[in-house]
């Protein structure tokens, strides 16, 4: 079975902020990498909302696409690429960046518009358009540490798994509202 991923990068000094998370996604994929029935739980093409689930899985990255994006970002922007493998099949009804784009949201960076862009697919990045104050943004290290902490908490409480990108957004929100973050004791 195919493996699919969510991908993001942390960009320093972007849009007047110290650090911004750009969530990368594929736009314009005309056919699924494998049949939708393998990618979407209880998929029924005749349901009215099935097109939204198609958008969701079409924006994810396959292994070769991840490597292509990683090489481009490293070469052109000196950026690292963070990944999370998506558990397949996905549950229907999930939100996608493509739906935000269709709805008219403006917080996107069009990687494909850059000079020298040579990737085989069109990729956009979504960022928090409301903009966090620079002082209210966690570093990549803090987000990784906090995400690991939350995963351990959920595991100990036998709670359902939440994907790392959602945990990272939750951590940013908690930090911007309260200033609380996870710190490791120096031992």
Foldseek 3Di string as FASTA:
>chain_A
DFWWKWKWWWDACDPNAGIWIWTKWFPDDPDAPDDLPWAEPPQDPPDPQNVQVVRARRGIDTPVLVVLVQVCCCVPPVIHMDIDIDDPNDYPPDHDVVVVVVVPDDQKAFPCPDPPDDGPTTMIIGTPPVDAHNVLADDPVQLVVQLVVVQVVCVVVVHDDDTSVVSSVVQSVCCSVPVDTDDDDDD
